[in-house]
């Protein structure tokens, strides 16, 4: 059997990512390992922001704000279900 130290789940704020985070949390709890959430940037978001004529620094700042929001929401949803050993990256 393969030993795992953690389960890594990418999230982007979508309903599918929410379901993946819940599945990852259940798997991590079953295996007794940490769950690590990481934000992935949807490709369309950067191209849409570029069309709005934002400069690179503004785009990066908006992406960081979006990432923090998505990770906070996912972490709160999992914490409400009493999942332990949650790492938000």
Protein backbone atom coordinates (compact mmCIF):
# COMPACT_ATOMS: atom_id res chain seq x y z
CA UNK A 1 0.00 0.00 0.00
CA UNK A 2 1.20 3.51 -0.78
CA UNK A 3 1.69 5.86 2.17
CA UNK A 4 0.45 9.43 1.78
CA UNK A 5 1.51 12.44 3.86
CA UNK A 6 -1.22 14.72 2.53
CA UNK A 7 -3.98 15.02 -0.03
CA UNK A 8 -3.61 18.00 -2.40
CA UNK A 9 -6.81 19.44 -3.88
CA UNK A 10 -6.77 22.33 -6.37
CA UNK A 11 -9.71 24.73 -6.01
CA UNK A 12 -10.95 27.59 -8.18
CA UNK A 13 -14.25 28.50 -6.56
CA UNK A 14 -16.36 26.37 -8.88
CA UNK A 15 -18.99 23.87 -7.69
CA UNK A 16 -16.82 21.03 -9.02
CA UNK A 17 -13.86 22.24 -6.98
CA UNK A 18 -16.09 22.40 -3.90
CA UNK A 19 -17.11 18.77 -4.42
CA UNK A 20 -13.45 17.81 -4.98
CA UNK A 21 -12.46 19.53 -1.72
CA UNK A 22 -15.14 17.63 0.18
CA UNK A 23 -14.06 14.34 -1.38
CA UNK A 24 -10.41 15.15 -0.62
CA UNK A 25 -11.33 15.95 2.98
CA UNK A 26 -13.13 12.64 3.41
CA UNK A 27 -10.20 10.79 1.86
CA UNK A 28 -7.70 12.64 4.05
CA UNK A 29 -9.76 11.90 7.17
CA UNK A 30 -10.01 8.24 6.22
CA UNK A 31 -6.25 7.98 5.65
CA UNK A 32 -5.42 10.12 8.68
CA UNK A 33 -3.38 12.64 6.67
CA UNK A 34 -3.50 16.40 6.10
CA UNK A 35 -5.63 17.99 3.42
CA UNK A 36 -3.90 20.75 1.47
CA UNK A 37 -5.94 23.16 -0.66
CA UNK A 38 -4.26 25.18 -3.38
CA UNK A 39 -5.80 27.82 -5.61
CA UNK A 40 -5.62 27.45 -9.38
CA UNK A 41 -6.14 30.45 -11.63
CA UNK A 42 -8.75 29.94 -14.33
CA UNK A 43 -7.18 30.81 -17.68
CA UNK A 44 -10.13 32.92 -18.74
CA UNK A 45 -9.83 35.25 -15.77
CA UNK A 46 -6.46 36.63 -16.85
CA UNK A 47 -7.52 37.17 -20.45
CA UNK A 48 -10.71 38.93 -19.34
CA UNK A 49 -8.74 41.22 -17.03
CA UNK A 50 -6.28 41.97 -19.83
CA UNK A 51 -9.19 43.06 -22.01
CA UNK A 52 -10.13 45.52 -19.26
CA UNK A 53 -6.68 47.04 -19.84
CA UNK A 54 -5.33 46.27 -16.40
CA UNK A 55 -1.57 46.17 -16.03
CA UNK A 56 0.27 43.09 -14.84
CA UNK A 57 0.54 44.27 -11.23
CA UNK A 58 -3.20 44.96 -11.06
CA UNK A 59 -3.99 41.53 -12.54
CA UNK A 60 -1.69 39.81 -10.03
CA UNK A 61 -3.27 41.73 -7.15
CA UNK A 62 -6.78 40.77 -8.26
CA UNK A 63 -5.71 37.13 -8.65
CA UNK A 64 -4.24 37.11 -5.13
CA UNK A 65 -7.45 38.59 -3.73
CA UNK A 66 -9.51 35.99 -5.58
CA UNK A 67 -7.24 33.20 -4.39
CA UNK A 68 -7.54 34.29 -0.75
CA UNK A 69 -11.32 34.53 -1.06
CA UNK A 70 -11.67 31.08 -2.63
CA UNK A 71 -9.31 29.45 -0.13
CA UNK A 72 -11.02 31.15 2.83
CA UNK A 73 -14.45 29.97 1.63
CA UNK A 74 -13.23 26.41 1.04
CA UNK A 75 -11.47 26.32 4.40
CA UNK A 76 -14.54 27.63 6.20
CA UNK A 77 -16.79 25.06 4.51
CA UNK A 78 -14.49 22.23 5.54
CA UNK A 79 -13.95 23.60 9.05
CA UNK A 80 -17.72 23.71 9.49
CA UNK A 81 -17.70 19.98 8.85
CA UNK A 82 -15.02 19.53 11.54
CA UNK A 83 -12.25 18.33 9.23
CA UNK A 84 -8.94 18.54 11.00
CA UNK A 85 -5.44 18.85 9.59
CA UNK A 86 -6.43 21.35 6.92
CA UNK A 87 -3.61 23.27 5.24
CA UNK A 88 -4.48 26.20 3.01
CA UNK A 89 -1.65 27.07 0.61
